Every structure is written in C-alpha cells, then in structure tokens.
Amino acid sequence: MKKQTYHNHIRYYWPHHYVFLPLMAILIAWSLQKAYKNELNRAEWIMFSVLSFCILYLAIMLRQHYALGNQDRIVRLEFRLRYFELYSQHAKPVEDKLSFKQIAALRFAGDDEFVILLNRALKENLKPNNIKKAINNWRPDNNRV
C-alpha cells in the first residue's frame, strides 16, 4: 500500500463512488432527456427524474451519516486515549477547547508531533488544514470509512 500523506489521505469506496453514483447520474440525465423530448409523458418522466434524484440523495446521505457519525465518535475516543497515554491526564478540558476538525487533523501526527501541534492548536487556534500541513511524519489511517 502506498504511504499515506496529506495529498493522498482521502479514501474512496469504489462500488459507491465509481459504480452506483455514476449510474444514478446517468439515470437522472436520461430521464430528464426523456422528459424534455417526450411531450406526451413529460409529467411521468419528470416524476421519475425526481424519484431517481431522491433515491440518489437518500443513498448518499444515509451512507455518509451512519459511517461518519460512528467515525467521529471513534476519533474523539482515540484522541482521549492518546492524550491520556501521553499526558497521564484526562483530555476533557483540552478537548473542549478544540473543534472536532482540529481533533481529527491531529490524529495524523506522530506522538512527538502530536504534542507540539496540540499545543500550537490550543495557543494559535490553528485551522485543521494547517495542522495537517504542519505534519512532517504522517501517521496513516488506513481503516477509515
């Protein structure tokens, strides 16, 4: 597997991103074309287009909602455990000062950089993207959804 960095850390699920989504887009485009060209059944084709779009939207939102909600909880727990291992203190006071996106960005840092970047994030209120860019030794997360 290729070494994970800032530039390649986004992950795709090929059946969803490269099969289902393109097929649904083609189905919607095809049904809209039929609605435009077919005056007799225009209302039916428009309704089919709307229904197809709703199915596509529902599939995207449900997939993302459940997976990301669970992943967000795991990222917070991972932060708490890591903070406790490094500082021997509870992370709640620190966690309350950070946004979730900052916490998520810190998980890519190795332990030595985690401490430095955590302190910078608290003092300078670093944006999540700036935290990621400041990481020299990227700690990959190959188990994300």
C-alpha atoms as a PDB file:
ATOM      1  CA  MET A   1       0.000   0.000   0.000  1.00  0.00           C
ATOM      2  CA  LYS A   2       1.236   3.484  -0.869  1.00  0.00           C
ATOM      3  CA  LYS A   3       2.479   5.580   2.057  1.00  0.00           C
ATOM      4  CA  GLN A   4      -0.289   7.895   3.241  1.00  0.00           C
ATOM      5  CA  THR A   5       0.340  11.658   3.175  1.00  0.00           C
ATOM      6  CA  TYR A   6      -1.684  14.879   3.208  1.00  0.00           C
ATOM      7  CA  HIS A   7      -2.029  14.696  -0.566  1.00  0.00           C
ATOM      8  CA  ASN A   8      -3.447  11.153  -0.757  1.00  0.00           C
ATOM      9  CA  HIS A   9      -5.319  10.695   2.536  1.00  0.00           C
ATOM     10  CA  ILE A  10      -8.812  10.879   1.006  1.00  0.00           C
ATOM     11  CA  ARG A  11     -10.318   7.457   0.529  1.00  0.00           C
ATOM     12  CA  TYR A  12     -12.962   6.261  -1.954  1.00  0.00           C
ATOM     13  CA  TYR A  13     -15.286   3.255  -1.840  1.00  0.00           C
ATOM     14  CA  TRP A  14     -15.282   2.195  -5.485  1.00  0.00           C
ATOM     15  CA  PRO A  15     -18.708   0.452  -5.711  1.00  0.00           C
ATOM     16  CA  HIS A  16     -20.344   3.581  -4.340  1.00  0.00           C
ATOM     17  CA  HIS A  17     -18.229   6.304  -5.955  1.00  0.00           C
ATOM     18  CA  TYR A  18     -17.467   4.700  -9.315  1.00  0.00           C
ATOM     19  CA  VAL A  19     -20.493   2.442  -9.970  1.00  0.00           C
ATOM     20  CA  PHE A  20     -23.618   3.487  -8.069  1.00  0.00           C
ATOM     21  CA  LEU A  21     -23.178   7.280  -8.242  1.00  0.00           C
ATOM     22  CA  PRO A  22     -22.338   7.414 -11.966  1.00  0.00           C
ATOM     23  CA  LEU A  23     -25.208   5.047 -12.804  1.00  0.00           C
ATOM     24  CA  MET A  24     -27.647   7.173 -10.829  1.00  0.00           C
ATOM     25  CA  ALA A  25     -26.354  10.326 -12.538  1.00  0.00           C
ATOM     26  CA  ILE A  26     -26.820   8.678 -15.941  1.00  0.00           C
ATOM     27  CA  LEU A  27     -30.334   7.544 -14.973  1.00  0.00           C
ATOM     28  CA  ILE A  28     -31.288  11.065 -13.889  1.00  0.00           C
ATOM     29  CA  ALA A  29     -29.815  12.638 -17.041  1.00  0.00           C
ATOM     30  CA  TRP A  30     -31.553  10.062 -19.238  1.00  0.00           C
ATOM     31  CA  SER A  31     -34.924  10.595 -17.563  1.00  0.00           C
ATOM     32  CA  LEU A  32     -34.593  14.379 -17.847  1.00  0.00           C
ATOM     33  CA  GLN A  33     -33.762  13.999 -21.530  1.00  0.00           C
ATOM     34  CA  LYS A  34     -36.870  11.815 -21.976  1.00  0.00           C
ATOM     35  CA  ALA A  35     -38.955  14.440 -20.149  1.00  0.00           C
ATOM     36  CA  TYR A  36     -37.622  17.159 -22.432  1.00  0.00           C
ATOM     37  CA  LYS A  37     -38.182  15.229 -25.697  1.00  0.00           C
ATOM     38  CA  ASN A  38     -41.420  13.383 -24.892  1.00  0.00           C
ATOM     39  CA  GLU A  39     -44.369  15.783 -24.650  1.00  0.00           C
ATOM     40  CA  LEU A  40     -46.981  13.062 -24.065  1.00  0.00           C
ATOM     41  CA  ASN A  41     -45.344  11.522 -20.991  1.00  0.00           C
ATOM     42  CA  ARG A  42     -43.459  14.582 -19.732  1.00  0.00           C
ATOM     43  CA  ALA A  43     -45.015  14.564 -16.251  1.00  0.00           C
ATOM     44  CA  GLU A  44     -44.197  10.880 -15.748  1.00  0.00           C
ATOM     45  CA  TRP A  45     -40.564  11.377 -16.797  1.00  0.00           C
ATOM     46  CA  ILE A  46     -40.208  14.412 -14.561  1.00  0.00           C
ATOM     47  CA  MET A  47     -41.584  12.417 -11.634  1.00  0.00           C
ATOM     48  CA  PHE A  48     -39.204   9.561 -12.487  1.00  0.00           C
ATOM     49  CA  SER A  49     -36.316  12.066 -12.502  1.00  0.00           C
ATOM     50  CA  VAL A  50     -37.356  13.476  -9.138  1.00  0.00           C
ATOM     51  CA  LEU A  51     -37.742   9.987  -7.671  1.00  0.00           C
ATOM     52  CA  SER A  52     -34.330   8.945  -9.027  1.00  0.00           C
ATOM     53  CA  PHE A  53     -32.744  12.052  -7.546  1.00  0.00           C
ATOM     54  CA  CYS A  54     -34.387  11.381  -4.164  1.00  0.00           C
ATOM     55  CA  ILE A  55     -33.062   7.811  -4.147  1.00  0.00           C
ATOM     56  CA  LEU A  56     -29.584   9.081  -5.011  1.00  0.00           C
ATOM     57  CA  TYR A  57     -29.713  11.761  -2.323  1.00  0.00           C
ATOM     58  CA  LEU A  58     -31.010   9.329   0.299  1.00  0.00           C
ATOM     59  CA  ALA A  59     -28.314   6.774  -0.516  1.00  0.00           C
ATOM     60  CA  ILE A  60     -25.554   9.369  -0.218  1.00  0.00           C
ATOM     61  CA  MET A  61     -26.870  10.896   2.986  1.00  0.00           C
ATOM     62  CA  LEU A  62     -27.551   7.624   4.792  1.00  0.00           C
ATOM     63  CA  ARG A  63     -24.214   6.120   3.867  1.00  0.00           C
ATOM     64  CA  GLN A  64     -22.353   9.202   4.980  1.00  0.00           C
ATOM     65  CA  HIS A  65     -24.463   9.884   8.061  1.00  0.00           C
ATOM     66  CA  TYR A  66     -24.030   6.497   9.694  1.00  0.00           C
ATOM     67  CA  ALA A  67     -20.405   5.984   8.775  1.00  0.00           C
ATOM     68  CA  LEU A  68     -19.238   9.475   9.644  1.00  0.00           C
ATOM     69  CA  GLY A  69     -21.212   9.644  12.869  1.00  0.00           C
ATOM     70  CA  ASN A  70     -19.577   6.455  14.058  1.00  0.00           C
ATOM     71  CA  GLN A  71     -16.169   7.527  12.830  1.00  0.00           C
ATOM     72  CA  ASP A  72     -16.459  10.876  14.644  1.00  0.00           C
ATOM     73  CA  ARG A  73     -17.078   9.090  17.927  1.00  0.00           C
ATOM     74  CA  ILE A  74     -14.103   6.814  17.362  1.00  0.00           C
ATOM     75  CA  VAL A  75     -11.834   9.759  16.514  1.00  0.00           C
ATOM     76  CA  ARG A  76     -12.810  11.501  19.770  1.00  0.00           C
ATOM     77  CA  LEU A  77     -12.172   8.327  21.771  1.00  0.00           C
ATOM     78  CA  GLU A  78      -8.850   7.847  20.028  1.00  0.00           C
ATOM     79  CA  PHE A  79      -7.890  11.446  20.927  1.00  0.00           C
ATOM     80  CA  ARG A  80      -8.833  10.912  24.577  1.00  0.00           C
ATOM     81  CA  LEU A  81      -6.847   7.684  24.810  1.00  0.00           C
ATOM     82  CA  ARG A  82      -3.823   9.154  23.083  1.00  0.00           C
ATOM     83  CA  TYR A  83      -3.904  12.269  25.249  1.00  0.00           C
ATOM     84  CA  PHE A  84      -4.134  10.148  28.376  1.00  0.00           C
ATOM     85  CA  GLU A  85      -1.219   7.955  27.252  1.00  0.00           C
ATOM     86  CA  LEU A  86       0.987  10.980  26.546  1.00  0.00           C
ATOM     87  CA  TYR A  87      -0.007  13.286  29.420  1.00  0.00           C
ATOM     88  CA  SER A  88      -1.457  10.887  32.043  1.00  0.00           C
ATOM     89  CA  GLN A  89      -4.397  13.272  32.400  1.00  0.00           C
ATOM     90  CA  HIS A  90      -7.985  13.331  31.238  1.00  0.00           C
ATOM     91  CA  ALA A  91      -8.451  15.040  27.891  1.00  0.00           C
ATOM     92  CA  LYS A  92     -11.859  16.629  28.559  1.00  0.00           C
ATOM     93  CA  PRO A  93     -10.584  20.157  29.405  1.00  0.00           C
ATOM     94  CA  VAL A  94      -8.373  20.185  26.300  1.00  0.00           C
ATOM     95  CA  GLU A  95     -10.971  18.532  24.085  1.00  0.00           C
ATOM     96  CA  ASP A  96     -13.499  21.233  24.963  1.00  0.00           C
ATOM     97  CA  LYS A  97     -11.123  23.906  23.631  1.00  0.00           C
ATOM     98  CA  LEU A  98     -10.672  22.231  20.243  1.00  0.00           C
ATOM     99  CA  SER A  99     -13.106  21.806  17.376  1.00  0.00           C
ATOM    100  CA  PHE A 100     -13.803  18.311  16.142  1.00  0.00           C
ATOM    101  CA  LYS A 101     -11.982  19.091  12.890  1.00  0.00           C
ATOM    102  CA  GLN A 102      -8.858  20.086  14.821  1.00  0.00           C
ATOM    103  CA  ILE A 103      -9.027  16.828  16.783  1.00  0.00           C
ATOM    104  CA  ALA A 104      -9.460  14.874  13.561  1.00  0.00           C
ATOM    105  CA  ALA A 105      -6.468  16.622  11.981  1.00  0.00           C
ATOM    106  CA  LEU A 106      -4.251  15.867  14.979  1.00  0.00           C
ATOM    107  CA  ARG A 107      -4.742  12.130  14.583  1.00  0.00           C
ATOM    108  CA  PHE A 108      -2.442  12.084  11.551  1.00  0.00           C
ATOM    109  CA  ALA A 109       0.504  13.348  13.620  1.00  0.00           C
ATOM    110  CA  GLY A 110       3.005  11.019  15.250  1.00  0.00           C
ATOM    111  CA  ASP A 111       3.291  11.169  19.039  1.00  0.00           C
ATOM    112  CA  ASP A 112       6.213  13.633  19.034  1.00  0.00           C
ATOM    113  CA  GLU A 113       4.440  15.984  16.618  1.00  0.00           C
ATOM    114  CA  PHE A 114       1.067  15.447  18.316  1.00  0.00           C
ATOM    115  CA  VAL A 115       2.284  17.178  21.477  1.00  0.00           C
ATOM    116  CA  ILE A 116       3.755  20.120  19.556  1.00  0.00           C
ATOM    117  CA  LEU A 117       0.788  20.550  17.229  1.00  0.00           C
ATOM    118  CA  LEU A 118      -1.714  20.174  20.059  1.00  0.00           C
ATOM    119  CA  ASN A 119      -0.013  22.997  21.934  1.00  0.00           C
ATOM    120  CA  ARG A 120       0.060  25.132  18.784  1.00  0.00           C
ATOM    121  CA  ALA A 121      -3.605  24.385  18.066  1.00  0.00           C
ATOM    122  CA  LEU A 122      -4.515  25.489  21.577  1.00  0.00           C
ATOM    123  CA  LYS A 123      -2.355  28.633  21.563  1.00  0.00           C
ATOM    124  CA  GLU A 124      -2.705  29.731  17.927  1.00  0.00           C
ATOM    125  CA  ASN A 125      -6.121  28.202  17.184  1.00  0.00           C
ATOM    126  CA  LEU A 126      -4.668  26.519  14.078  1.00  0.00           C
ATOM    127  CA  LYS A 127      -7.134  25.593  11.375  1.00  0.00           C
ATOM    128  CA  PRO A 128      -7.455  21.835  10.721  1.00  0.00           C
ATOM    129  CA  ASN A 129      -5.915  22.107   7.275  1.00  0.00           C
ATOM    130  CA  ASN A 130      -2.916  23.979   8.709  1.00  0.00           C
ATOM    131  CA  ILE A 131      -2.474  21.266  11.340  1.00  0.00           C
ATOM    132  CA  LYS A 132      -2.356  18.631   8.593  1.00  0.00           C
ATOM    133  CA  LYS A 133       0.083  20.657   6.513  1.00  0.00           C
ATOM    134  CA  ALA A 134       2.406  21.061   9.521  1.00  0.00           C
ATOM    135  CA  ILE A 135       2.781  17.296   9.958  1.00  0.00           C
ATOM    136  CA  ASN A 136       6.187  16.054   8.825  1.00  0.00           C
ATOM    137  CA  ASN A 137       5.815  12.359   9.653  1.00  0.00           C
ATOM    138  CA  TRP A 138       2.319  11.469   8.536  1.00  0.00           C
ATOM    139  CA  ARG A 139       0.677   8.752  10.634  1.00  0.00           C
ATOM    140  CA  PRO A 140      -1.646   6.969   8.190  1.00  0.00           C
ATOM    141  CA  ASP A 141      -5.191   5.949   8.954  1.00  0.00           C
ATOM    142  CA  ASN A 142      -5.868   3.106   6.548  1.00  0.00           C
ATOM    143  CA  ASN A 143      -9.005   1.910   8.351  1.00  0.00           C
ATOM    144  CA  ARG A 144     -11.309   4.852   7.688  1.00  0.00           C
ATOM    145  CA  VAL A 145     -14.714   4.552   6.064  1.00  0.00           C
END
